[in-house]
């Protein structure tokens, strides 16, 4: 039973992490549009968006 509890906890942790990552990318997009980001920041933002897409696709 302990392993089931751990699996549920990991699933919950993954969901929370994904939600926070989505929030952060929205904030970065807003900064990009209002103040601008450098080339490397934009590349990292796009990589984060791809990671979100990949994670959501694996559900």
N, C-alpha and C. Protein backbone atom coordinates (compact mmCIF):
# COMPACT_ATOMS: atom_id res chain seq x y z
N UNK A 1 0.81 -1.20 0.00
CA UNK A 1 0.00 0.00 0.00
C UNK A 1 0.86 1.26 0.00
N UNK A 2 2.03 1.19 0.62
CA UNK A 2 2.90 2.36 0.68
C UNK A 2 3.33 2.80 -0.72
N UNK A 3 3.56 1.84 -1.60
CA UNK A 3 3.98 2.21 -2.95
C UNK A 3 2.87 2.91 -3.71
N UNK A 4 1.62 2.54 -3.47
CA UNK A 4 0.49 3.22 -4.09
C UNK A 4 0.41 4.67 -3.62
N UNK A 5 0.61 4.88 -2.32
CA UNK A 5 0.61 6.23 -1.78
C UNK A 5 1.72 7.06 -2.40
N UNK A 6 2.87 6.46 -2.59
CA UNK A 6 4.02 7.17 -3.18
C UNK A 6 3.73 7.52 -4.63
N UNK A 7 3.10 6.63 -5.37
CA UNK A 7 2.74 6.90 -6.76
C UNK A 7 1.76 8.05 -6.83
N UNK A 8 0.77 8.05 -5.95
CA UNK A 8 -0.20 9.15 -5.92
C UNK A 8 0.49 10.47 -5.60
N UNK A 9 1.43 10.45 -4.66
CA UNK A 9 2.16 11.66 -4.28
C UNK A 9 2.99 12.17 -5.45
N UNK A 10 3.67 11.27 -6.15
CA UNK A 10 4.48 11.68 -7.30
C UNK A 10 3.61 12.27 -8.41
N UNK A 11 2.45 11.68 -8.62
CA UNK A 11 1.52 12.20 -9.62
C UNK A 11 1.06 13.60 -9.25
N UNK A 12 0.75 13.79 -7.99
CA UNK A 12 0.34 15.10 -7.50
C UNK A 12 1.48 16.11 -7.65
N UNK A 13 2.70 15.70 -7.28
CA UNK A 13 3.87 16.58 -7.40
C UNK A 13 4.09 16.98 -8.86
N UNK A 14 3.94 16.04 -9.77
CA UNK A 14 4.13 16.31 -11.20
C UNK A 14 3.10 17.30 -11.69
N UNK A 15 1.85 17.15 -11.25
CA UNK A 15 0.79 18.06 -11.65
C UNK A 15 1.06 19.48 -11.15
N UNK A 16 1.47 19.58 -9.90
CA UNK A 16 1.79 20.90 -9.33
C UNK A 16 2.96 21.53 -10.06
N UNK A 17 3.99 20.74 -10.34
CA UNK A 17 5.16 21.25 -11.06
C UNK A 17 4.76 21.75 -12.44
N UNK A 18 3.93 21.01 -13.14
CA UNK A 18 3.49 21.40 -14.47
C UNK A 18 2.69 22.70 -14.41
N UNK A 19 1.80 22.83 -13.44
CA UNK A 19 1.01 24.05 -13.30
C UNK A 19 1.90 25.26 -13.02
N UNK A 20 2.89 25.09 -12.17
CA UNK A 20 3.81 26.20 -11.86
C UNK A 20 4.67 26.55 -13.07
N UNK A 21 5.10 25.55 -13.82
CA UNK A 21 5.88 25.81 -15.02
C UNK A 21 5.05 26.59 -16.04
N UNK A 22 3.78 26.24 -16.17
CA UNK A 22 2.90 26.97 -17.08
C UNK A 22 2.74 28.42 -16.63
N UNK A 23 2.57 28.63 -15.32
CA UNK A 23 2.47 30.00 -14.79
C UNK A 23 3.73 30.80 -15.11
N UNK A 24 4.88 30.19 -14.89
CA UNK A 24 6.14 30.88 -15.16
C UNK A 24 6.31 31.22 -16.63
N UNK A 25 5.90 30.33 -17.51
CA UNK A 25 6.04 30.64 -18.94
C UNK A 25 5.08 31.75 -19.34
N UNK A 26 3.90 31.81 -18.73
CA UNK A 26 2.98 32.92 -19.01
C UNK A 26 3.59 34.25 -18.57
N UNK A 27 4.22 34.26 -17.40
CA UNK A 27 4.87 35.47 -16.90
C UNK A 27 6.00 35.88 -17.85
N UNK A 28 6.81 34.92 -18.25
CA UNK A 28 7.92 35.22 -19.17
C UNK A 28 7.41 35.73 -20.51
N UNK A 29 6.30 35.18 -20.99
CA UNK A 29 5.71 35.67 -22.24
C UNK A 29 5.27 37.12 -22.08
N UNK A 30 4.67 37.44 -20.95
CA UNK A 30 4.25 38.82 -20.70
C UNK A 30 5.45 39.77 -20.68
N UNK A 31 6.53 39.35 -20.03
CA UNK A 31 7.75 40.16 -20.00
C UNK A 31 8.31 40.31 -21.40
N UNK A 32 8.31 39.22 -22.14
CA UNK A 32 8.83 39.25 -23.51
C UNK A 32 8.08 40.27 -24.35
N UNK A 33 6.76 40.30 -24.20
CA UNK A 33 5.94 41.21 -25.00
C UNK A 33 6.05 42.65 -24.53
N UNK A 34 6.20 42.87 -23.22
CA UNK A 34 6.20 44.24 -22.71
C UNK A 34 7.60 44.86 -22.66
N UNK A 35 8.58 44.13 -22.24
CA UNK A 35 9.92 44.70 -22.05
C UNK A 35 10.96 44.08 -22.97
N UNK A 36 10.65 42.93 -23.48
CA UNK A 36 11.59 42.24 -24.35
C UNK A 36 12.51 41.31 -23.57
N UNK A 37 12.86 40.23 -24.20
CA UNK A 37 13.82 39.28 -23.65
C UNK A 37 14.96 39.15 -24.64
N UNK A 38 16.11 38.78 -24.12
CA UNK A 38 17.25 38.52 -24.99
C UNK A 38 17.07 37.21 -25.74
N UNK A 39 17.93 37.00 -26.73
CA UNK A 39 17.84 35.80 -27.57
C UNK A 39 17.87 34.52 -26.74
N UNK A 40 18.78 34.44 -25.77
CA UNK A 40 18.91 33.22 -24.98
C UNK A 40 17.71 33.00 -24.06
N UNK A 41 17.15 34.10 -23.53
CA UNK A 41 15.96 33.96 -22.70
C UNK A 41 14.78 33.46 -23.52
N UNK A 42 14.66 33.96 -24.75
CA UNK A 42 13.58 33.49 -25.63
C UNK A 42 13.77 32.01 -25.94
N UNK A 43 15.01 31.60 -26.18
CA UNK A 43 15.28 30.18 -26.46
C UNK A 43 14.90 29.31 -25.26
N UNK A 44 15.21 29.77 -24.05
CA UNK A 44 14.85 29.00 -22.85
C UNK A 44 13.34 28.96 -22.67
N UNK A 45 12.67 30.08 -22.97
CA UNK A 45 11.21 30.12 -22.88
C UNK A 45 10.60 29.12 -23.85
N UNK A 46 11.09 29.09 -25.07
CA UNK A 46 10.57 28.14 -26.06
C UNK A 46 10.85 26.70 -25.64
N UNK A 47 12.00 26.44 -25.03
CA UNK A 47 12.32 25.10 -24.54
C UNK A 47 11.36 24.70 -23.42
N UNK A 48 11.02 25.64 -22.55
CA UNK A 48 10.07 25.36 -21.47
C UNK A 48 8.69 25.05 -22.04
N UNK A 49 8.28 25.80 -23.05
CA UNK A 49 6.97 25.54 -23.68
C UNK A 49 6.95 24.15 -24.32
N UNK A 50 8.05 23.76 -24.95
CA UNK A 50 8.13 22.43 -25.56
C UNK A 50 8.05 21.35 -24.48
N UNK A 51 8.74 21.57 -23.35
CA UNK A 51 8.69 20.62 -22.25
C UNK A 51 7.27 20.46 -21.74
N UNK A 52 6.55 21.57 -21.58
CA UNK A 52 5.16 21.51 -21.13
C UNK A 52 4.34 20.69 -22.12
N UNK A 53 4.50 20.97 -23.39
CA UNK A 53 3.76 20.24 -24.42
C UNK A 53 4.07 18.75 -24.38
N UNK A 54 5.35 18.42 -24.22
CA UNK A 54 5.75 17.01 -24.14
C UNK A 54 5.15 16.33 -22.92
N UNK A 55 5.18 17.03 -21.78
CA UNK A 55 4.63 16.46 -20.55
C UNK A 55 3.13 16.25 -20.65
N UNK A 56 2.44 17.22 -21.23
CA UNK A 56 0.99 17.08 -21.38
C UNK A 56 0.64 15.98 -22.37
N UNK A 57 1.47 15.79 -23.37
CA UNK A 57 1.24 14.75 -24.35
C UNK A 57 1.49 13.35 -23.82
N UNK A 58 2.28 13.26 -22.74
CA UNK A 58 2.60 11.94 -22.19
C UNK A 58 1.55 11.44 -21.19
N UNK A 59 0.55 12.27 -20.91
CA UNK A 59 -0.51 11.86 -19.96
C UNK A 59 -1.42 10.82 -20.54
